[in-house]
């Protein structure tokens, strides 16, 4: 495997990992805030549920980025240049 292609896949792996970690951290913060708010007013559960789920969508952006690079842009080929791999 070419070093440029390896570097590109390493960058994509980091992108997916960081989006997942950030998503998990955001859901944790939102969940804790929701629990605190529900203790005061439990009638707004539906609204708080949506606000808790919103940070979870950030993890999907990492997967969407992978599929965009793999299929739409078509740059992940053995002929990839060093500049494309670093980007």
PDB file of N, CA and C in Angstrom:
ATOM      1  N   UNK A   1       0.851  -1.173   0.000  1.00  0.00           N
ATOM      2  CA  UNK A   1       0.000   0.000   0.000  1.00  0.00           C
ATOM      3  C   UNK A   1       0.897   1.236   0.000  1.00  0.00           C
ATOM      4  N   UNK A   2       0.527   2.182  -0.767  1.00  0.00           N
ATOM      5  CA  UNK A   2       1.281   3.413  -0.888  1.00  0.00           C
ATOM      6  C   UNK A   2       1.157   4.240   0.396  1.00  0.00           C
ATOM      7  N   UNK A   3       2.233   4.943   0.752  1.00  0.00           N
ATOM      8  CA  UNK A   3       2.226   5.742   1.981  1.00  0.00           C
ATOM      9  C   UNK A   3       1.196   6.872   1.919  1.00  0.00           C
ATOM     10  N   UNK A   4       0.971   7.416   0.725  1.00  0.00           N
ATOM     11  CA  UNK A   4      -0.017   8.489   0.594  1.00  0.00           C
ATOM     12  C   UNK A   4      -1.426   7.986   0.878  1.00  0.00           C
ATOM     13  N   UNK A   5      -1.746   6.803   0.388  1.00  0.00           N
ATOM     14  CA  UNK A   5      -3.065   6.224   0.641  1.00  0.00           C
ATOM     15  C   UNK A   5      -3.220   5.864   2.119  1.00  0.00           C
ATOM     16  N   UNK A   6      -2.150   5.367   2.717  1.00  0.00           N
ATOM     17  CA  UNK A   6      -2.176   5.049   4.141  1.00  0.00           C
ATOM     18  C   UNK A   6      -2.402   6.308   4.972  1.00  0.00           C
ATOM     19  N   UNK A   7      -1.744   7.393   4.604  1.00  0.00           N
ATOM     20  CA  UNK A   7      -1.918   8.659   5.314  1.00  0.00           C
ATOM     21  C   UNK A   7      -3.350   9.174   5.180  1.00  0.00           C
ATOM     22  N   UNK A   8      -3.937   9.028   4.005  1.00  0.00           N
ATOM     23  CA  UNK A   8      -5.320   9.471   3.791  1.00  0.00           C
ATOM     24  C   UNK A   8      -6.289   8.655   4.645  1.00  0.00           C
ATOM     25  N   UNK A   9      -6.113   7.341   4.688  1.00  0.00           N
ATOM     26  CA  UNK A   9      -7.003   6.510   5.501  1.00  0.00           C
ATOM     27  C   UNK A   9      -6.796   6.773   6.993  1.00  0.00           C
ATOM     28  N   UNK A  10      -5.579   7.078   7.395  1.00  0.00           N
ATOM     29  CA  UNK A  10      -5.324   7.422   8.790  1.00  0.00           C
ATOM     30  C   UNK A  10      -6.061   8.707   9.167  1.00  0.00           C
ATOM     31  N   UNK A  11      -6.034   9.693   8.284  1.00  0.00           N
ATOM     32  CA  UNK A  11      -6.763  10.937   8.534  1.00  0.00           C
ATOM     33  C   UNK A  11      -8.258  10.725   8.616  1.00  0.00           C
ATOM     34  N   UNK A  12      -8.783   9.872   7.764  1.00  0.00           N
ATOM     35  CA  UNK A  12     -10.221   9.585   7.799  1.00  0.00           C
ATOM     36  C   UNK A  12     -10.582   8.835   9.080  1.00  0.00           C
ATOM     37  N   UNK A  13      -9.713   7.932   9.509  1.00  0.00           N
ATOM     38  CA  UNK A  13      -9.958   7.226  10.771  1.00  0.00           C
ATOM     39  C   UNK A  13      -9.980   8.172  11.960  1.00  0.00           C
ATOM     40  N   UNK A  14      -9.068   9.140  11.960  1.00  0.00           N
ATOM     41  CA  UNK A  14      -9.056  10.139  13.030  1.00  0.00           C
ATOM     42  C   UNK A  14     -10.320  10.989  12.978  1.00  0.00           C
ATOM     43  N   UNK A  15     -10.768  11.333  11.769  1.00  0.00           N
ATOM     44  CA  UNK A  15     -11.987  12.126  11.618  1.00  0.00           C
ATOM     45  C   UNK A  15     -13.190  11.383  12.211  1.00  0.00           C
ATOM     46  N   UNK A  16     -13.311  10.112  11.913  1.00  0.00           N
ATOM     47  CA  UNK A  16     -14.440   9.331  12.426  1.00  0.00           C
ATOM     48  C   UNK A  16     -14.337   9.170  13.945  1.00  0.00           C
ATOM     49  N   UNK A  17     -13.126   8.922  14.447  1.00  0.00           N
ATOM     50  CA  UNK A  17     -12.953   8.736  15.888  1.00  0.00           C
ATOM     51  C   UNK A  17     -13.276  10.011  16.658  1.00  0.00           C
ATOM     52  N   UNK A  18     -12.776  11.139  16.183  1.00  0.00           N
ATOM     53  CA  UNK A  18     -13.026  12.391  16.897  1.00  0.00           C
ATOM     54  C   UNK A  18     -14.493  12.811  16.837  1.00  0.00           C
ATOM     55  N   UNK A  19     -15.154  12.527  15.728  1.00  0.00           N
ATOM     56  CA  UNK A  19     -16.579  12.860  15.665  1.00  0.00           C
ATOM     57  C   UNK A  19     -17.378  11.985  16.626  1.00  0.00           C
ATOM     58  N   UNK A  20     -16.990  10.737  16.778  1.00  0.00           N
ATOM     59  CA  UNK A  20     -17.669   9.857  17.728  1.00  0.00           C
ATOM     60  C   UNK A  20     -17.421  10.252  19.170  1.00  0.00           C
ATOM     61  N   UNK A  21     -16.183  10.619  19.485  1.00  0.00           N
ATOM     62  CA  UNK A  21     -15.858  11.037  20.848  1.00  0.00           C
ATOM     63  C   UNK A  21     -16.584  12.335  21.193  1.00  0.00           C
ATOM     64  N   UNK A  22     -16.578  13.282  20.266  1.00  0.00           N
ATOM     65  CA  UNK A  22     -17.277  14.543  20.506  1.00  0.00           C
ATOM     66  C   UNK A  22     -18.770  14.355  20.658  1.00  0.00           C
ATOM     67  N   UNK A  23     -19.314  13.457  19.881  1.00  0.00           N
ATOM     68  CA  UNK A  23     -20.745  13.168  19.970  1.00  0.00           C
ATOM     69  C   UNK A  23     -21.084  12.550  21.321  1.00  0.00           C
ATOM     70  N   UNK A  24     -20.284  11.608  21.768  1.00  0.00           N
ATOM     71  CA  UNK A  24     -20.532  10.966  23.060  1.00  0.00           C
ATOM     72  C   UNK A  24     -20.413  11.965  24.207  1.00  0.00           C
ATOM     73  N   UNK A  25     -19.434  12.841  24.119  1.00  0.00           N
ATOM     74  CA  UNK A  25     -19.255  13.859  25.158  1.00  0.00           C
ATOM     75  C   UNK A  25     -20.439  14.830  25.179  1.00  0.00           C
ATOM     76  N   UNK A  26     -20.896  15.230  24.002  1.00  0.00           N
ATOM     77  CA  UNK A  26     -22.043  16.132  23.920  1.00  0.00           C
ATOM     78  C   UNK A  26     -23.322  15.512  24.442  1.00  0.00           C
ATOM     79  N   UNK A  27     -23.536  14.247  24.140  1.00  0.00           N
ATOM     80  CA  UNK A  27     -24.731  13.556  24.644  1.00  0.00           C
ATOM     81  C   UNK A  27     -24.670  13.443  26.167  1.00  0.00           C
ATOM     82  N   UNK A  28     -23.480  13.230  26.710  1.00  0.00           N
ATOM     83  CA  UNK A  28     -23.332  13.154  28.164  1.00  0.00           C
ATOM     84  C   UNK A  28     -23.698  14.478  28.821  1.00  0.00           C
ATOM     85  N   UNK A  29     -23.177  15.573  28.275  1.00  0.00           N
ATOM     86  CA  UNK A  29     -23.479  16.890  28.842  1.00  0.00           C
ATOM     87  C   UNK A  29     -24.972  17.204  28.719  1.00  0.00           C
ATOM     88  N   UNK A  30     -25.533  16.953  27.549  1.00  0.00           N
ATOM     89  CA  UNK A  30     -26.958  17.235  27.342  1.00  0.00           C
ATOM     90  C   UNK A  30     -27.832  16.344  28.218  1.00  0.00           C
ATOM     91  N   UNK A  31     -27.437  15.100  28.391  1.00  0.00           N
ATOM     92  CA  UNK A  31     -28.201  14.189  29.246  1.00  0.00           C
ATOM     93  C   UNK A  31     -28.200  14.628  30.699  1.00  0.00           C
ATOM     94  N   UNK A  32     -27.047  15.074  31.174  1.00  0.00           N
ATOM     95  CA  UNK A  32     -26.984  15.558  32.554  1.00  0.00           C
ATOM     96  C   UNK A  32     -27.836  16.814  32.743  1.00  0.00           C
ATOM     97  N   UNK A  33     -27.802  17.705  31.765  1.00  0.00           N
ATOM     98  CA  UNK A  33     -28.631  18.913  31.852  1.00  0.00           C
ATOM     99  C   UNK A  33     -30.117  18.558  31.791  1.00  0.00           C
ATOM    100  N   UNK A  34     -30.454  17.572  30.987  1.00  0.00           N
ATOM    101  CA  UNK A  34     -31.851  17.154  30.873  1.00  0.00           C
ATOM    102  C   UNK A  34     -32.359  16.552  32.175  1.00  0.00           C
ATOM    103  N   UNK A  35     -31.539  15.743  32.807  1.00  0.00           N
ATOM    104  CA  UNK A  35     -31.953  15.139  34.079  1.00  0.00           C
ATOM    105  C   UNK A  35     -32.198  16.221  35.123  1.00  0.00           C
ATOM    106  N   UNK A  36     -31.310  17.218  35.154  1.00  0.00           N
ATOM    107  CA  UNK A  36     -31.505  18.315  36.101  1.00  0.00           C
ATOM    108  C   UNK A  36     -32.771  19.105  35.819  1.00  0.00           C
ATOM    109  N   UNK A  37     -33.048  19.342  34.544  1.00  0.00           N
ATOM    110  CA  UNK A  37     -34.248  20.101  34.189  1.00  0.00           C
ATOM    111  C   UNK A  37     -35.520  19.291  34.428  1.00  0.00           C
ATOM    112  N   UNK A  38     -35.456  17.984  34.209  1.00  0.00           N
ATOM    113  CA  UNK A  38     -36.643  17.147  34.423  1.00  0.00           C
ATOM    114  C   UNK A  38     -37.009  17.040  35.904  1.00  0.00           C
ATOM    115  N   UNK A  39     -36.021  17.213  36.784  1.00  0.00           N
ATOM    116  CA  UNK A  39     -36.335  17.184  38.212  1.00  0.00           C
ATOM    117  C   UNK A  39     -37.214  18.365  38.598  1.00  0.00           C
ATOM    118  N   UNK A  40     -37.039  19.481  37.881  1.00  0.00           N
ATOM    119  CA  UNK A  40     -37.851  20.665  38.178  1.00  0.00           C
ATOM    120  C   UNK A  40     -39.212  20.618  37.490  1.00  0.00           C
ATOM    121  N   UNK A  41     -39.232  20.160  36.226  1.00  0.00           N
ATOM    122  CA  UNK A  41     -40.491  20.165  35.458  1.00  0.00           C
ATOM    123  C   UNK A  41     -40.515  18.938  34.553  1.00  0.00           C
ATOM    124  N   UNK A  42     -41.175  17.888  35.007  1.00  0.00           N
ATOM    125  CA  UNK A  42     -41.179  16.631  34.251  1.00  0.00           C
ATOM    126  C   UNK A  42     -42.189  16.619  33.108  1.00  0.00           C
ATOM    127  N   UNK A  43     -42.958  17.670  32.956  1.00  0.00           N
ATOM    128  CA  UNK A  43     -43.958  17.682  31.884  1.00  0.00           C
ATOM    129  C   UNK A  43     -43.353  17.993  30.514  1.00  0.00           C
ATOM    130  N   UNK A  44     -42.117  18.424  30.461  1.00  0.00           N
ATOM    131  CA  UNK A  44     -41.480  18.789  29.189  1.00  0.00           C
ATOM    132  C   UNK A  44     -40.507  17.711  28.710  1.00  0.00           C
ATOM    133  N   UNK A  45     -40.837  16.481  28.974  1.00  0.00           N
ATOM    134  CA  UNK A  45     -39.946  15.374  28.615  1.00  0.00           C
ATOM    135  C   UNK A  45     -39.668  15.315  27.117  1.00  0.00           C
ATOM    136  N   UNK A  46     -40.668  15.490  26.282  1.00  0.00           N
ATOM    137  CA  UNK A  46     -40.489  15.408  24.830  1.00  0.00           C
ATOM    138  C   UNK A  46     -39.530  16.458  24.304  1.00  0.00           C
ATOM    139  N   UNK A  47     -39.638  17.674  24.808  1.00  0.00           N
ATOM    140  CA  UNK A  47     -38.722  18.735  24.379  1.00  0.00           C
ATOM    141  C   UNK A  47     -37.291  18.430  24.792  1.00  0.00           C
ATOM    142  N   UNK A  48     -37.125  17.960  26.021  1.00  0.00           N
ATOM    143  CA  UNK A  48     -35.789  17.660  26.506  1.00  0.00           C
ATOM    144  C   UNK A  48     -35.179  16.450  25.805  1.00  0.00           C
ATOM    145  N   UNK A  49     -36.018  15.518  25.407  1.00  0.00           N
ATOM    146  CA  UNK A  49     -35.522  14.338  24.698  1.00  0.00           C
ATOM    147  C   UNK A  49     -34.893  14.727  23.362  1.00  0.00           C
ATOM    148  N   UNK A  50     -35.529  15.645  22.664  1.00  0.00           N
ATOM    149  CA  UNK A  50     -34.985  16.111  21.384  1.00  0.00           C
ATOM    150  C   UNK A  50     -33.659  16.825  21.606  1.00  0.00           C
ATOM    151  N   UNK A  51     -33.582  17.675  22.617  1.00  0.00           N
ATOM    152  CA  UNK A  51     -32.345  18.398  22.896  1.00  0.00           C
ATOM    153  C   UNK A  51     -31.221  17.463  23.333  1.00  0.00           C
ATOM    154  N   UNK A  52     -31.572  16.359  23.964  1.00  0.00           N
ATOM    155  CA  UNK A  52     -30.562  15.382  24.357  1.00  0.00           C
ATOM    156  C   UNK A  52     -30.033  14.616  23.152  1.00  0.00           C
ATOM    157  N   UNK A  53     -30.884  14.365  22.180  1.00  0.00           N
ATOM    158  CA  UNK A  53     -30.477  13.570  21.015  1.00  0.00           C
ATOM    159  C   UNK A  53     -29.693  14.379  19.986  1.00  0.00           C
ATOM    160  N   UNK A  54     -29.795  15.687  20.013  1.00  0.00           N
ATOM    161  CA  UNK A  54     -29.133  16.503  18.989  1.00  0.00           C
ATOM    162  C   UNK A  54     -27.616  16.311  18.914  1.00  0.00           C
ATOM    163  N   UNK A  55     -26.875  16.255  20.028  1.00  0.00           N
ATOM    164  CA  UNK A  55     -25.423  16.055  19.889  1.00  0.00           C
ATOM    165  C   UNK A  55     -25.055  14.705  19.275  1.00  0.00           C
ATOM    166  N   UNK A  56     -25.941  13.736  19.350  1.00  0.00           N
ATOM    167  CA  UNK A  56     -25.672  12.425  18.767  1.00  0.00           C
ATOM    168  C   UNK A  56     -25.563  12.449  17.258  1.00  0.00           C
ATOM    169  N   UNK A  57     -26.158  13.452  16.641  1.00  0.00           N
ATOM    170  CA  UNK A  57     -26.079  13.541  15.181  1.00  0.00           C
ATOM    171  C   UNK A  57     -24.688  13.919  14.702  1.00  0.00           C
ATOM    172  N   UNK A  58     -23.862  14.476  15.566  1.00  0.00           N
ATOM    173  CA  UNK A  58     -22.525  14.895  15.153  1.00  0.00           C
ATOM    174  C   UNK A  58     -21.656  13.694  14.776  1.00  0.00           C
ATOM    175  N   UNK A  59     -21.886  12.566  15.408  1.00  0.00           N
ATOM    176  CA  UNK A  59     -21.140  11.366  15.048  1.00  0.00           C
ATOM    177  C   UNK A  59     -21.437  10.898  13.639  1.00  0.00           C
ATOM    178  N   UNK A  60     -22.636  11.176  13.160  1.00  0.00           N
ATOM    179  CA  UNK A  60     -22.990  10.784  11.793  1.00  0.00           C
ATOM    180  C   UNK A  60     -22.204  11.570  10.752  1.00  0.00           C
ATOM    181  N   UNK A  61     -21.796  12.782  11.109  1.00  0.00           N
ATOM    182  CA  UNK A  61     -21.031  13.585  10.153  1.00  0.00           C
ATOM    183  C   UNK A  61     -19.684  12.938   9.831  1.00  0.00           C
ATOM    184  N   UNK A  62     -19.089  12.262  10.791  1.00  0.00           N
ATOM    185  CA  UNK A  62     -17.841  11.558  10.522  1.00  0.00           C
ATOM    186  C   UNK A  62     -18.026  10.443   9.511  1.00  0.00           C
ATOM    187  N   UNK A  63     -19.099   9.682   9.663  1.00  0.00           N
ATOM    188  CA  UNK A  63     -19.385   8.615   8.706  1.00  0.00           C
ATOM    189  C   UNK A  63     -19.770   9.178   7.348  1.00  0.00           C
ATOM    190  N   UNK A  64     -20.506  10.269   7.342  1.00  0.00           N
ATOM    191  CA  UNK A  64     -20.870  10.904   6.066  1.00  0.00           C
ATOM    192  C   UNK A  64     -19.623  11.410   5.353  1.00  0.00           C
ATOM    193  N   UNK A  65     -18.681  11.946   6.112  1.00  0.00           N
ATOM    194  CA  UNK A  65     -17.423  12.398   5.515  1.00  0.00           C
ATOM    195  C   UNK A  65     -16.647  11.254   4.894  1.00  0.00           C
ATOM    196  N   UNK A  66     -16.631  10.104   5.567  1.00  0.00           N
ATOM    197  CA  UNK A  66     -15.942   8.948   4.995  1.00  0.00           C
ATOM    198  C   UNK A  66     -16.567   8.538   3.670  1.00  0.00           C
ATOM    199  N   UNK A  67     -17.886   8.424   3.642  1.00  0.00           N
ATOM    200  CA  UNK A  67     -18.539   7.994   2.408  1.00  0.00           C
ATOM    201  C   UNK A  67     -18.392   9.028   1.302  1.00  0.00           C
ATOM    202  N   UNK A  68     -18.329  10.298   1.678  1.00  0.00           N
ATOM    203  CA  UNK A  68     -18.108  11.328   0.663  1.00  0.00           C
ATOM    204  C   UNK A  68     -16.724  11.188   0.046  1.00  0.00           C
ATOM    205  N   UNK A  69     -15.712  10.968   0.875  1.00  0.00           N
ATOM    206  CA  UNK A  69     -14.361  10.806   0.345  1.00  0.00           C
ATOM    207  C   UNK A  69     -14.225   9.521  -0.456  1.00  0.00           C
ATOM    208  N   UNK A  70     -14.870   8.470   0.006  1.00  0.00           N
ATOM    209  CA  UNK A  70     -14.746   7.178  -0.661  1.00  0.00           C
ATOM    210  C   UNK A  70     -15.476   7.136  -1.996  1.00  0.00           C
ATOM    211  N   UNK A  71     -16.705   7.624  -2.041  1.00  0.00           N
ATOM    212  CA  UNK A  71     -17.542   7.429  -3.222  1.00  0.00           C
ATOM    213  C   UNK A  71     -17.705   8.675  -4.075  1.00  0.00           C
ATOM    214  N   UNK A  72     -18.019   9.810  -3.467  1.00  0.00           N
ATOM    215  CA  UNK A  72     -18.352  10.998  -4.245  1.00  0.00           C
ATOM    216  C   UNK A  72     -17.107  11.664  -4.811  1.00  0.00           C
ATOM    217  N   UNK A  73     -16.134  11.949  -3.942  1.00  0.00           N
ATOM    218  CA  UNK A  73     -14.943  12.655  -4.407  1.00  0.00           C
ATOM    219  C   UNK A  73     -14.014  11.749  -5.202  1.00  0.00           C
ATOM    220  N   UNK A  74     -13.937  10.494  -4.848  1.00  0.00           N
ATOM    221  CA  UNK A  74     -13.132   9.534  -5.587  1.00  0.00           C
ATOM    222  C   UNK A  74     -11.633   9.764  -5.512  1.00  0.00           C
ATOM    223  N   UNK A  75     -11.142  10.347  -4.414  1.00  0.00           N
ATOM    224  CA  UNK A  75      -9.710  10.609  -4.308  1.00  0.00           C
ATOM    225  C   UNK A  75      -8.953   9.477  -3.624  1.00  0.00           C
ATOM    226  N   UNK A  76      -9.644   8.534  -3.027  1.00  0.00           N
ATOM    227  CA  UNK A  76      -8.963   7.447  -2.327  1.00  0.00           C
ATOM    228  C   UNK A  76      -8.644   6.315  -3.295  1.00  0.00           C
ATOM    229  N   UNK A  77      -7.692   6.587  -4.153  1.00  0.00           N
ATOM    230  CA  UNK A  77      -7.215   5.616  -5.130  1.00  0.00           C
ATOM    231  C   UNK A  77      -5.711   5.465  -4.952  1.00  0.00           C
ATOM    232  N   UNK A  78      -5.108   4.423  -5.479  1.00  0.00           N
ATOM    233  CA  UNK A  78      -3.651   4.280  -5.370  1.00  0.00           C
ATOM    234  C   UNK A  78      -2.869   5.410  -6.044  1.00  0.00           C
ATOM    235  N   UNK A  79      -3.507   6.188  -6.901  1.00  0.00           N
ATOM    236  CA  UNK A  79      -2.830   7.285  -7.580  1.00  0.00           C
ATOM    237  C   UNK A  79      -2.924   8.596  -6.803  1.00  0.00           C
ATOM    238  N   UNK A  80      -3.267   8.555  -5.522  1.00  0.00           N
ATOM    239  CA  UNK A  80      -3.430   9.762  -4.723  1.00  0.00           C
ATOM    240  C   UNK A  80      -2.080  10.461  -4.547  1.00  0.00           C
ATOM    241  N   UNK A  81      -2.090  11.793  -4.597  1.00  0.00           N
ATOM    242  CA  UNK A  81      -0.852  12.562  -4.429  1.00  0.00           C
ATOM    243  C   UNK A  81      -0.644  12.895  -2.956  1.00  0.00           C
ATOM    244  N   UNK A  82       0.553  13.364  -2.629  1.00  0.00           N
ATOM    245  CA  UNK A  82       0.863  13.719  -1.242  1.00  0.00           C
ATOM    246  C   UNK A  82       0.002  14.876  -0.756  1.00  0.00           C
ATOM    247  N   UNK A  83      -0.263  15.835  -1.626  1.00  0.00           N
ATOM    248  CA  UNK A  83      -1.087  16.979  -1.249  1.00  0.00           C
ATOM    249  C   UNK A  83      -2.521  16.532  -0.952  1.00  0.00           C
ATOM    250  N   UNK A  84      -3.066  15.640  -1.767  1.00  0.00           N
ATOM    251  CA  UNK A  84      -4.419  15.138  -1.525  1.00  0.00           C
ATOM    252  C   UNK A  84      -4.472  14.333  -0.235  1.00  0.00           C
ATOM    253  N   UNK A  85      -3.441  13.558   0.050  1.00  0.00           N
ATOM    254  CA  UNK A  85      -3.428  12.746   1.263  1.00  0.00           C
ATOM    255  C   UNK A  85      -3.332  13.617   2.508  1.00  0.00           C
ATOM    256  N   UNK A  86      -2.569  14.700   2.433  1.00  0.00           N
ATOM    257  CA  UNK A  86      -2.414  15.582   3.588  1.00  0.00           C
ATOM    258  C   UNK A  86      -3.662  16.412   3.839  1.00  0.00           C
ATOM    259  N   UNK A  87      -4.449  16.641   2.797  1.00  0.00           N
ATOM    260  CA  UNK A  87      -5.651  17.464   2.973  1.00  0.00           C
ATOM    261  C   UNK A  87      -6.692  16.655   3.699  1.00  0.00           C
TER     262      UNK A  87
END
